[in-house]
PDB file of all heavy atoms in Angstrom:
ATOM      1  N   ASP A   1      75.584  31.203  64.446  1.00  0.00           N
ATOM      2  CA  ASP A   1      76.405  31.691  63.356  1.00  0.00           C
ATOM      3  C   ASP A   1      75.906  33.125  62.935  1.00  0.00           C
ATOM      4  O   ASP A   1      74.917  33.613  63.402  1.00  0.00           O
ATOM      5  CB  ASP A   1      76.459  30.687  62.214  1.00  0.00           C
ATOM      6  CG  ASP A   1      75.011  30.356  61.780  1.00  0.00           C
ATOM      7  OD1 ASP A   1      74.067  31.120  62.000  1.00  0.00           O
ATOM      8  OD2 ASP A   1      74.871  29.225  61.161  1.00  0.00           O
ATOM      9  N   GLU A   2      76.503  33.626  61.857  1.00  0.00           N
ATOM     10  CA  GLU A   2      76.065  34.949  61.382  1.00  0.00           C
ATOM     11  C   GLU A   2      74.670  34.895  60.779  1.00  0.00           C
ATOM     12  O   GLU A   2      74.020  35.961  60.897  1.00  0.00           O
ATOM     13  CB  GLU A   2      77.094  35.427  60.302  1.00  0.00           C
ATOM     14  CG  GLU A   2      78.432  35.823  60.886  1.00  0.00           C
ATOM     15  CD  GLU A   2      78.367  37.003  61.752  1.00  0.00           C
ATOM     16  OE1 GLU A   2      77.338  37.853  61.643  1.00  0.00           O
ATOM     17  OE2 GLU A   2      79.255  37.245  62.622  1.00  0.00           O
ATOM     18  N   ALA A   3      74.251  33.825  60.209  1.00  0.00           N
ATOM     19  CA  ALA A   3      72.905  33.731  59.722  1.00  0.00           C
ATOM     20  C   ALA A   3      71.885  33.897  60.837  1.00  0.00           C
ATOM     21  O   ALA A   3      70.879  34.584  60.627  1.00  0.00           O
ATOM     22  CB  ALA A   3      72.735  32.443  58.934  1.00  0.00           C
ATOM     23  N   MET A   4      72.113  33.275  61.923  1.00  0.00           N
ATOM     24  CA  MET A   4      71.190  33.489  63.070  1.00  0.00           C
ATOM     25  C   MET A   4      71.243  34.921  63.564  1.00  0.00           C
ATOM     26  O   MET A   4      70.162  35.507  63.943  1.00  0.00           O
ATOM     27  CB  MET A   4      71.700  32.476  64.250  1.00  0.00           C
ATOM     28  CG  MET A   4      70.842  32.678  65.513  1.00  0.00           C
ATOM     29  SD  MET A   4      71.413  31.537  66.808  1.00  0.00           S
ATOM     30  CE  MET A   4      70.884  29.992  66.025  1.00  0.00           C
ATOM     31  N   VAL A   5      72.398  35.521  63.614  1.00  0.00           N
ATOM     32  CA  VAL A   5      72.583  36.835  64.044  1.00  0.00           C
ATOM     33  C   VAL A   5      71.762  37.788  63.154  1.00  0.00           C
ATOM     34  O   VAL A   5      71.019  38.711  63.556  1.00  0.00           O
ATOM     35  CB  VAL A   5      74.033  37.342  64.026  1.00  0.00           C
ATOM     36  CG1 VAL A   5      74.139  38.902  64.298  1.00  0.00           C
ATOM     37  CG2 VAL A   5      74.754  36.665  65.293  1.00  0.00           C
ATOM     38  N   GLU A   6      71.774  37.581  61.868  1.00  0.00           N
ATOM     39  CA  GLU A   6      70.979  38.321  60.920  1.00  0.00           C
ATOM     40  C   GLU A   6      69.567  38.214  61.130  1.00  0.00           C
ATOM     41  O   GLU A   6      68.767  39.221  60.979  1.00  0.00           O
ATOM     42  CB  GLU A   6      71.440  37.961  59.465  1.00  0.00           C
ATOM     43  CG  GLU A   6      72.803  38.492  58.999  1.00  0.00           C
ATOM     44  CD  GLU A   6      72.902  40.051  59.164  1.00  0.00           C
ATOM     45  OE1 GLU A   6      72.054  40.772  58.832  1.00  0.00           O
ATOM     46  OE2 GLU A   6      73.912  40.421  59.795  1.00  0.00           O
ATOM     47  N   ARG A   7      69.044  36.993  61.463  1.00  0.00           N
ATOM     48  CA  ARG A   7      67.654  36.860  61.692  1.00  0.00           C
ATOM     49  C   ARG A   7      67.179  37.668  62.893  1.00  0.00           C
ATOM     50  O   ARG A   7      66.129  38.260  62.892  1.00  0.00           O
ATOM     51  CB  ARG A   7      67.298  35.315  61.929  1.00  0.00           C
ATOM     52  CG  ARG A   7      67.492  34.505  60.730  1.00  0.00           C
ATOM     53  CD  ARG A   7      66.639  33.211  60.896  1.00  0.00           C
ATOM     54  NE  ARG A   7      66.906  32.485  62.102  1.00  0.00           N
ATOM     55  CZ  ARG A   7      67.906  31.539  62.206  1.00  0.00           C
ATOM     56  NH1 ARG A   7      68.723  31.307  61.142  1.00  0.00           N
ATOM     57  NH2 ARG A   7      68.165  30.899  63.324  1.00  0.00           N
ATOM     58  N   ILE A   8      67.980  37.729  63.925  1.00  0.00           N
ATOM     59  CA  ILE A   8      67.713  38.548  65.061  1.00  0.00           C
ATOM     60  C   ILE A   8      67.791  40.001  64.744  1.00  0.00           C
ATOM     61  O   ILE A   8      66.869  40.753  65.090  1.00  0.00           O
ATOM     62  CB  ILE A   8      68.706  38.230  66.244  1.00  0.00           C
ATOM     63  CG1 ILE A   8      68.546  36.715  66.620  1.00  0.00           C
ATOM     64  CG2 ILE A   8      68.389  39.133  67.441  1.00  0.00           C
ATOM     65  CD1 ILE A   8      69.649  36.232  67.687  1.00  0.00           C
ATOM     66  N   ARG A   9      68.731  40.429  63.984  1.00  0.00           N
ATOM     67  CA  ARG A   9      68.877  41.841  63.624  1.00  0.00           C
ATOM     68  C   ARG A   9      67.782  42.386  62.755  1.00  0.00           C
ATOM     69  O   ARG A   9      67.312  43.537  62.800  1.00  0.00           O
ATOM     70  CB  ARG A   9      70.214  42.093  62.880  1.00  0.00           C
ATOM     71  CG  ARG A   9      71.427  42.049  63.808  1.00  0.00           C
ATOM     72  CD  ARG A   9      72.702  42.173  63.079  1.00  0.00           C
ATOM     73  NE  ARG A   9      73.895  42.191  63.963  1.00  0.00           N
ATOM     74  CZ  ARG A   9      75.138  41.836  63.608  1.00  0.00           C
ATOM     75  NH1 ARG A   9      75.384  41.536  62.392  1.00  0.00           N
ATOM     76  NH2 ARG A   9      76.072  41.948  64.532  1.00  0.00           N
ATOM     77  N   GLU A  10      67.119  41.448  61.995  1.00  0.00           N
ATOM     78  CA  GLU A  10      66.013  41.792  61.184  1.00  0.00           C
ATOM     79  C   GLU A  10      64.779  42.225  62.107  1.00  0.00           C
ATOM     80  O   GLU A  10      63.947  42.948  61.568  1.00  0.00           O
ATOM     81  CB  GLU A  10      65.592  40.639  60.363  1.00  0.00           C
ATOM     82  CG  GLU A  10      66.501  40.381  59.128  1.00  0.00           C
ATOM     83  CD  GLU A  10      66.222  39.188  58.353  1.00  0.00           C
ATOM     84  OE1 GLU A  10      65.205  38.493  58.725  1.00  0.00           O
ATOM     85  OE2 GLU A  10      66.890  38.859  57.424  1.00  0.00           O
ATOM     86  N   MET A  11      64.776  41.873  63.347  1.00  0.00           N
ATOM     87  CA  MET A  11      63.724  42.281  64.268  1.00  0.00           C
ATOM     88  C   MET A  11      64.069  43.526  65.072  1.00  0.00           C
ATOM     89  O   MET A  11      63.210  43.916  65.857  1.00  0.00           O
ATOM     90  CB  MET A  11      63.435  41.141  65.210  1.00  0.00           C
ATOM     91  CG  MET A  11      63.048  39.767  64.672  1.00  0.00           C
ATOM     92  SD  MET A  11      62.584  38.516  65.965  1.00  0.00           S
ATOM     93  CE  MET A  11      64.213  38.383  66.847  1.00  0.00           C
ATOM     94  N   SER A  12      65.198  44.038  64.795  1.00  0.00           N
ATOM     95  CA  SER A  12      65.644  45.097  65.685  1.00  0.00           C
ATOM     96  C   SER A  12      64.686  46.358  65.642  1.00  0.00           C
ATOM     97  O   SER A  12      64.659  47.038  66.675  1.00  0.00           O
ATOM     98  CB  SER A  12      67.059  45.627  65.289  1.00  0.00           C
ATOM     99  OG  SER A  12      67.041  46.102  63.859  1.00  0.00           O
ATOM    100  N   GLY A  13      63.996  46.599  64.661  1.00  0.00           N
ATOM    101  CA  GLY A  13      63.061  47.697  64.578  1.00  0.00           C
ATOM    102  C   GLY A  13      61.931  47.514  65.631  1.00  0.00           C
ATOM    103  O   GLY A  13      61.259  48.519  65.974  1.00  0.00           O
ATOM    104  N   ALA A  14      61.685  46.337  66.120  1.00  0.00           N
ATOM    105  CA  ALA A  14      60.582  46.021  67.035  1.00  0.00           C
ATOM    106  C   ALA A  14      61.100  45.999  68.485  1.00  0.00           C
ATOM    107  O   ALA A  14      60.350  45.905  69.442  1.00  0.00           O
ATOM    108  CB  ALA A  14      59.901  44.751  66.738  1.00  0.00           C
ATOM    109  N   PHE A  15      62.452  46.234  68.657  1.00  0.00           N
ATOM    110  CA  PHE A  15      63.062  46.168  69.970  1.00  0.00           C
ATOM    111  C   PHE A  15      62.808  47.459  70.687  1.00  0.00           C
ATOM    112  O   PHE A  15      62.995  48.554  70.140  1.00  0.00           O
ATOM    113  CB  PHE A  15      64.551  45.860  70.028  1.00  0.00           C
ATOM    114  CG  PHE A  15      64.791  44.404  69.564  1.00  0.00           C
ATOM    115  CD1 PHE A  15      66.005  44.091  68.916  1.00  0.00           C
ATOM    116  CD2 PHE A  15      63.959  43.386  69.793  1.00  0.00           C
ATOM    117  CE1 PHE A  15      66.312  42.792  68.518  1.00  0.00           C
ATOM    118  CE2 PHE A  15      64.279  42.018  69.406  1.00  0.00           C
ATOM    119  CZ  PHE A  15      65.454  41.813  68.799  1.00  0.00           C
ATOM    120  N   GLY A  16      62.470  47.392  72.025  1.00  0.00           N
ATOM    121  CA  GLY A  16      62.321  48.577  72.839  1.00  0.00           C
ATOM    122  C   GLY A  16      63.610  48.859  73.684  1.00  0.00           C
ATOM    123  O   GLY A  16      63.721  49.902  74.179  1.00  0.00           O
ATOM    124  N   ALA A  17      64.414  47.778  73.898  1.00  0.00           N
ATOM    125  CA  ALA A  17      65.652  47.852  74.644  1.00  0.00           C
ATOM    126  C   ALA A  17      66.732  48.040  73.755  1.00  0.00           C
ATOM    127  O   ALA A  17      66.664  47.852  72.511  1.00  0.00           O
ATOM    128  CB  ALA A  17      65.760  46.701  75.514  1.00  0.00           C
ATOM    129  N   GLU A  18      67.966  48.374  74.308  1.00  0.00           N
ATOM    130  CA  GLU A  18      69.178  48.359  73.517  1.00  0.00           C
ATOM    131  C   GLU A  18      69.685  46.914  73.470  1.00  0.00           C
ATOM    132  O   GLU A  18      69.860  46.220  74.496  1.00  0.00           O
ATOM    133  CB  GLU A  18      70.179  49.259  74.276  1.00  0.00           C
ATOM    134  CG  GLU A  18      71.566  49.350  73.557  1.00  0.00           C
ATOM    135  CD  GLU A  18      72.582  50.158  74.225  1.00  0.00           C
ATOM    136  OE1 GLU A  18      72.237  50.786  75.233  1.00  0.00           O
ATOM    137  OE2 GLU A  18      73.714  50.216  73.736  1.00  0.00           O
ATOM    138  N   VAL A  19      69.947  46.479  72.196  1.00  0.00           N
ATOM    139  CA  VAL A  19      70.230  45.113  71.950  1.00  0.00           C
ATOM    140  C   VAL A  19      71.492  44.922  71.098  1.00  0.00           C
ATOM    141  O   VAL A  19      71.616  45.669  70.058  1.00  0.00           O
ATOM    142  CB  VAL A  19      69.091  44.298  71.395  1.00  0.00           C
ATOM    143  CG1 VAL A  19      69.463  42.817  71.250  1.00  0.00           C
ATOM    144  CG2 VAL A  19      67.827  44.411  72.264  1.00  0.00           C
ATOM    145  N   GLY A  20      72.383  44.130  71.447  1.00  0.00           N
ATOM    146  CA  GLY A  20      73.602  43.953  70.650  1.00  0.00           C
ATOM    147  C   GLY A  20      73.763  42.459  70.341  1.00  0.00           C
ATOM    148  O   GLY A  20      73.547  41.614  71.310  1.00  0.00           O
ATOM    149  N   VAL A  21      73.978  41.958  69.206  1.00  0.00           N
ATOM    150  CA  VAL A  21      74.110  40.603  68.855  1.00  0.00           C
ATOM    151  C   VAL A  21      75.399  40.410  68.060  1.00  0.00           C
ATOM    152  O   VAL A  21      75.803  41.168  67.229  1.00  0.00           O
ATOM    153  CB  VAL A  21      72.846  40.187  67.895  1.00  0.00           C
ATOM    154  CG1 VAL A  21      72.818  38.714  67.788  1.00  0.00           C
ATOM    155  CG2 VAL A  21      71.559  40.798  68.449  1.00  0.00           C
ATOM    156  N   SER A  22      75.963  39.210  68.353  1.00  0.00           N
ATOM    157  CA  SER A  22      77.226  38.879  67.628  1.00  0.00           C
ATOM    158  C   SER A  22      77.462  37.351  67.578  1.00  0.00           C
ATOM    159  O   SER A  22      76.796  36.710  68.444  1.00  0.00           O
ATOM    160  CB  SER A  22      78.474  39.546  68.331  1.00  0.00           C
ATOM    161  OG  SER A  22      78.544  39.171  69.610  1.00  0.00           O
ATOM    162  N   ALA A  23      78.293  36.852  66.810  1.00  0.00           N
ATOM    163  CA  ALA A  23      78.587  35.472  66.677  1.00  0.00           C
ATOM    164  C   ALA A  23      80.075  35.280  66.490  1.00  0.00           C
ATOM    165  O   ALA A  23      80.728  36.025  65.738  1.00  0.00           O
ATOM    166  CB  ALA A  23      77.830  34.804  65.549  1.00  0.00           C
ATOM    167  N   TRP A  24      80.667  34.384  67.136  1.00  0.00           N
ATOM    168  CA  TRP A  24      82.104  34.044  66.963  1.00  0.00           C
ATOM    169  C   TRP A  24      82.348  32.621  67.520  1.00  0.00           C
ATOM    170  O   TRP A  24      81.685  32.140  68.395  1.00  0.00           O
ATOM    171  CB  TRP A  24      83.023  35.033  67.617  1.00  0.00           C
ATOM    172  CG  TRP A  24      82.969  35.068  69.039  1.00  0.00           C
ATOM    173  CD1 TRP A  24      83.935  34.532  69.917  1.00  0.00           C
ATOM    174  CD2 TRP A  24      81.995  35.588  69.989  1.00  0.00           C
ATOM    175  NE1 TRP A  24      83.680  34.696  71.250  1.00  0.00           N
ATOM    176  CE2 TRP A  24      82.457  35.367  71.336  1.00  0.00           C
ATOM    177  CE3 TRP A  24      80.796  36.167  69.834  1.00  0.00           C
ATOM    178  CZ2 TRP A  24      81.751  35.719  72.444  1.00  0.00           C
ATOM    179  CZ3 TRP A  24      80.077  36.607  70.978  1.00  0.00           C
ATOM    180  CH2 TRP A  24      80.524  36.354  72.253  1.00  0.00           C
TER     181      TRP A  24
END
């Protein structure tokens, strides 16, 4: 769900690759 997506997005500053996250 969107709550899970938000938890992943909170880590985006530590990502070295291009990452896209979504829920539906």
